[in-house]
Amino acid sequence: MRRAELISLTSSLGILAVSLTAFSWEVRQQIRERDNYRCQDTGEPARECAHYSHDKSLETYDTPENGRVLTQKSHYMDHFNRHGRPELGLSNHHNLWALKTIWKRLSDEEKVGLPTPEEVLLPRQMKMFR
């Protein structure tokens, strides 16, 4: 059973299950080792693996070729900058969920100077998520 199916199943049962990544443990390790445990944006030490494309129909979705190591701050800004671009494989609704999830994992220090998840939305869109 794929993680997306597991999340859907557990959600329908009223159980909260959140997957931080769709990569298997083996693929995450390959990505980390390939990238030398360094953020591909900043060069800082990092462990978080992020997708280039969130298009799950791609054969390469869960492969090292579709992943890179990012700091949580870089991962957050990657999602912030891709909002409103569904051609990258993530609807605005799911991208907002990703933004809010990553935002919660950031420390107060890391949040300084970053736009909030709500700043990605137009005021009328915010009413849908309150």
C-alpha atoms as a PDB file:
ATOM      1  CA  MET A   1       0.000   0.000   0.000  1.00  0.00           C
ATOM      2  CA  ARG A   2       1.406   3.408  -0.986  1.00  0.00           C
ATOM      3  CA  ARG A   3       1.684   6.104   1.670  1.00  0.00           C
ATOM      4  CA  ALA A   4      -0.916   8.285  -0.073  1.00  0.00           C
ATOM      5  CA  GLU A   5      -3.369   5.392   0.097  1.00  0.00           C
ATOM      6  CA  LEU A   6      -2.486   4.831   3.761  1.00  0.00           C
ATOM      7  CA  ILE A   7      -3.056   8.506   4.593  1.00  0.00           C
ATOM      8  CA  SER A   8      -6.382   8.435   2.765  1.00  0.00           C
ATOM      9  CA  LEU A   9      -7.441   5.226   4.527  1.00  0.00           C
ATOM     10  CA  THR A  10      -6.434   6.413   8.003  1.00  0.00           C
ATOM     11  CA  SER A  11      -8.066   9.802   7.418  1.00  0.00           C
ATOM     12  CA  SER A  12     -11.344   8.109   6.528  1.00  0.00           C
ATOM     13  CA  LEU A  13     -11.090   6.127   9.761  1.00  0.00           C
ATOM     14  CA  GLY A  14     -10.584   9.306  11.782  1.00  0.00           C
ATOM     15  CA  ILE A  15      -6.937   8.562  12.538  1.00  0.00           C
ATOM     16  CA  LEU A  16      -4.420  11.319  11.911  1.00  0.00           C
ATOM     17  CA  ALA A  17      -1.457  10.085   9.883  1.00  0.00           C
ATOM     18  CA  VAL A  18       1.008  12.502   8.386  1.00  0.00           C
ATOM     19  CA  SER A  19       3.857  11.465   6.149  1.00  0.00           C
ATOM     20  CA  LEU A  20       6.713  13.962   6.079  1.00  0.00           C
ATOM     21  CA  THR A  21       7.976  12.536   2.816  1.00  0.00           C
ATOM     22  CA  ALA A  22       6.801  10.173   0.113  1.00  0.00           C
ATOM     23  CA  PHE A  23      10.314   8.801  -0.404  1.00  0.00           C
ATOM     24  CA  SER A  24      11.142   5.394   1.016  1.00  0.00           C
ATOM     25  CA  TRP A  25      13.901   5.226   3.618  1.00  0.00           C
ATOM     26  CA  GLU A  26      16.291   3.748   1.039  1.00  0.00           C
ATOM     27  CA  VAL A  27      15.620   6.514  -1.497  1.00  0.00           C
ATOM     28  CA  ARG A  28      16.006   9.217   1.187  1.00  0.00           C
ATOM     29  CA  GLN A  29      19.394   7.762   2.133  1.00  0.00           C
ATOM     30  CA  GLN A  30      20.494   7.706  -1.517  1.00  0.00           C
ATOM     31  CA  ILE A  31      19.488  11.358  -1.920  1.00  0.00           C
ATOM     32  CA  ARG A  32      21.243  12.419   1.299  1.00  0.00           C
ATOM     33  CA  GLU A  33      24.433  10.586   0.418  1.00  0.00           C
ATOM     34  CA  ARG A  34      24.429  11.885  -3.164  1.00  0.00           C
ATOM     35  CA  ASP A  35      23.940  15.466  -1.911  1.00  0.00           C
ATOM     36  CA  ASN A  36      26.475  15.022   0.931  1.00  0.00           C
ATOM     37  CA  TYR A  37      23.831  15.900   3.542  1.00  0.00           C
ATOM     38  CA  ARG A  38      23.961  19.499   2.252  1.00  0.00           C
ATOM     39  CA  CYS A  39      21.104  21.792   1.239  1.00  0.00           C
ATOM     40  CA  GLN A  40      21.178  22.162  -2.525  1.00  0.00           C
ATOM     41  CA  ASP A  41      20.109  25.816  -2.220  1.00  0.00           C
ATOM     42  CA  THR A  42      22.295  27.098   0.616  1.00  0.00           C
ATOM     43  CA  GLY A  43      25.060  24.523   1.106  1.00  0.00           C
ATOM     44  CA  GLU A  44      24.182  24.263   4.805  1.00  0.00           C
ATOM     45  CA  PRO A  45      24.050  20.872   6.549  1.00  0.00           C
ATOM     46  CA  ALA A  46      20.561  19.398   6.054  1.00  0.00           C
ATOM     47  CA  ARG A  47      18.638  16.116   6.079  1.00  0.00           C
ATOM     48  CA  GLU A  48      15.199  16.931   4.637  1.00  0.00           C
ATOM     49  CA  CYS A  49      14.473  15.411   1.229  1.00  0.00           C
ATOM     50  CA  ALA A  50      12.168  17.347  -1.088  1.00  0.00           C
ATOM     51  CA  HIS A  51      10.633  16.566  -4.476  1.00  0.00           C
ATOM     52  CA  TYR A  52      11.479  18.527  -7.600  1.00  0.00           C
ATOM     53  CA  SER A  53       8.100  17.564  -9.047  1.00  0.00           C
ATOM     54  CA  HIS A  54       5.000  16.543  -7.103  1.00  0.00           C
ATOM     55  CA  ASP A  55       3.419  14.955 -10.162  1.00  0.00           C
ATOM     56  CA  LYS A  56       2.715  11.431  -8.884  1.00  0.00           C
ATOM     57  CA  SER A  57       1.967  10.179 -12.386  1.00  0.00           C
ATOM     58  CA  LEU A  58       5.664  10.408 -13.252  1.00  0.00           C
ATOM     59  CA  GLU A  59       7.568   7.124 -13.262  1.00  0.00           C
ATOM     60  CA  THR A  60      10.399   8.929 -11.483  1.00  0.00           C
ATOM     61  CA  TYR A  61       8.235  10.362  -8.658  1.00  0.00           C
ATOM     62  CA  ASP A  62       9.750   8.289  -5.829  1.00  0.00           C
ATOM     63  CA  THR A  63      13.293   8.067  -7.186  1.00  0.00           C
ATOM     64  CA  PRO A  64      16.510   9.849  -6.224  1.00  0.00           C
ATOM     65  CA  GLU A  65      16.368  11.752  -9.531  1.00  0.00           C
ATOM     66  CA  ASN A  66      13.236  13.566  -8.304  1.00  0.00           C
ATOM     67  CA  GLY A  67      14.700  14.482  -4.934  1.00  0.00           C
ATOM     68  CA  ARG A  68      17.161  16.820  -3.330  1.00  0.00           C
ATOM     69  CA  VAL A  69      18.295  17.716   0.158  1.00  0.00           C
ATOM     70  CA  LEU A  70      17.039  21.042   1.491  1.00  0.00           C
ATOM     71  CA  THR A  71      16.962  22.779   4.840  1.00  0.00           C
ATOM     72  CA  GLN A  72      13.424  23.147   6.164  1.00  0.00           C
ATOM     73  CA  LYS A  73      13.624  26.891   5.447  1.00  0.00           C
ATOM     74  CA  SER A  74      14.598  26.256   1.795  1.00  0.00           C
ATOM     75  CA  HIS A  75      11.898  23.587   1.504  1.00  0.00           C
ATOM     76  CA  TYR A  76       9.343  26.084   2.815  1.00  0.00           C
ATOM     77  CA  MET A  77      10.404  28.776   0.327  1.00  0.00           C
ATOM     78  CA  ASP A  78      10.363  26.212  -2.503  1.00  0.00           C
ATOM     79  CA  HIS A  79       6.671  25.549  -1.759  1.00  0.00           C
ATOM     80  CA  PHE A  80       5.955  29.258  -1.282  1.00  0.00           C
ATOM     81  CA  ASN A  81       7.457  30.051  -4.698  1.00  0.00           C
ATOM     82  CA  ARG A  82       5.640  27.229  -6.492  1.00  0.00           C
ATOM     83  CA  HIS A  83       2.169  28.211  -5.222  1.00  0.00           C
ATOM     84  CA  GLY A  84      -0.231  28.921  -8.065  1.00  0.00           C
ATOM     85  CA  ARG A  85       1.797  26.786 -10.459  1.00  0.00           C
ATOM     86  CA  PRO A  86      -0.160  23.506 -10.723  1.00  0.00           C
ATOM     87  CA  GLU A  87       2.012  22.434 -13.654  1.00  0.00           C
ATOM     88  CA  LEU A  88       4.560  21.516 -10.974  1.00  0.00           C
ATOM     89  CA  GLY A  89       2.213  18.773  -9.817  1.00  0.00           C
ATOM     90  CA  LEU A  90       0.728  20.215  -6.626  1.00  0.00           C
ATOM     91  CA  SER A  91      -2.684  21.859  -6.336  1.00  0.00           C
ATOM     92  CA  ASN A  92      -2.964  25.113  -4.399  1.00  0.00           C
ATOM     93  CA  HIS A  93      -4.883  23.291  -1.664  1.00  0.00           C
ATOM     94  CA  HIS A  94      -2.172  20.653  -1.180  1.00  0.00           C
ATOM     95  CA  ASN A  95       0.595  23.231  -1.488  1.00  0.00           C
ATOM     96  CA  LEU A  96      -0.997  25.291   1.284  1.00  0.00           C
ATOM     97  CA  TRP A  97      -1.134  22.142   3.431  1.00  0.00           C
ATOM     98  CA  ALA A  98       2.598  21.601   2.748  1.00  0.00           C
ATOM     99  CA  LEU A  99       3.376  25.226   3.627  1.00  0.00           C
ATOM    100  CA  LYS A 100       1.487  25.025   6.920  1.00  0.00           C
ATOM    101  CA  THR A 101       3.095  21.676   7.785  1.00  0.00           C
ATOM    102  CA  ILE A 102       6.633  22.887   7.122  1.00  0.00           C
ATOM    103  CA  TRP A 103       5.898  26.209   8.908  1.00  0.00           C
ATOM    104  CA  LYS A 104       5.038  24.294  12.092  1.00  0.00           C
ATOM    105  CA  ARG A 105       8.408  22.501  11.977  1.00  0.00           C
ATOM    106  CA  LEU A 106      10.416  25.731  11.620  1.00  0.00           C
ATOM    107  CA  SER A 107      11.898  27.282  14.736  1.00  0.00           C
ATOM    108  CA  ASP A 108      10.999  30.857  15.654  1.00  0.00           C
ATOM    109  CA  GLU A 109      14.503  31.866  14.568  1.00  0.00           C
ATOM    110  CA  GLU A 110      14.070  30.228  11.152  1.00  0.00           C
ATOM    111  CA  LYS A 111      10.733  32.032  10.622  1.00  0.00           C
ATOM    112  CA  VAL A 112      12.293  35.508  10.863  1.00  0.00           C
ATOM    113  CA  GLY A 113      11.902  37.285   7.539  1.00  0.00           C
ATOM    114  CA  LEU A 114       9.831  34.525   5.922  1.00  0.00           C
ATOM    115  CA  PRO A 115       6.358  35.178   4.540  1.00  0.00           C
ATOM    116  CA  THR A 116       3.631  33.333   6.465  1.00  0.00           C
ATOM    117  CA  PRO A 117       1.608  30.587   4.749  1.00  0.00           C
ATOM    118  CA  GLU A 118      -1.383  32.939   4.680  1.00  0.00           C
ATOM    119  CA  GLU A 119       0.551  35.490   2.619  1.00  0.00           C
ATOM    120  CA  VAL A 120       0.479  33.124  -0.334  1.00  0.00           C
ATOM    121  CA  LEU A 121      -3.295  33.455  -0.619  1.00  0.00           C
ATOM    122  CA  LEU A 122      -5.576  36.185  -1.804  1.00  0.00           C
ATOM    123  CA  PRO A 123      -7.870  37.485   0.957  1.00  0.00           C
ATOM    124  CA  ARG A 124     -10.945  35.752  -0.518  1.00  0.00           C
ATOM    125  CA  GLN A 125      -9.079  32.426  -0.616  1.00  0.00           C
ATOM    126  CA  MET A 126      -8.209  32.711   3.092  1.00  0.00           C
ATOM    127  CA  LYS A 127     -11.907  32.398   4.006  1.00  0.00           C
ATOM    128  CA  MET A 128     -11.910  28.865   2.586  1.00  0.00           C
ATOM    129  CA  PHE A 129      -9.155  27.696   4.949  1.00  0.00           C
ATOM    130  CA  ARG A 130     -10.346  29.228   8.220  1.00  0.00           C
END
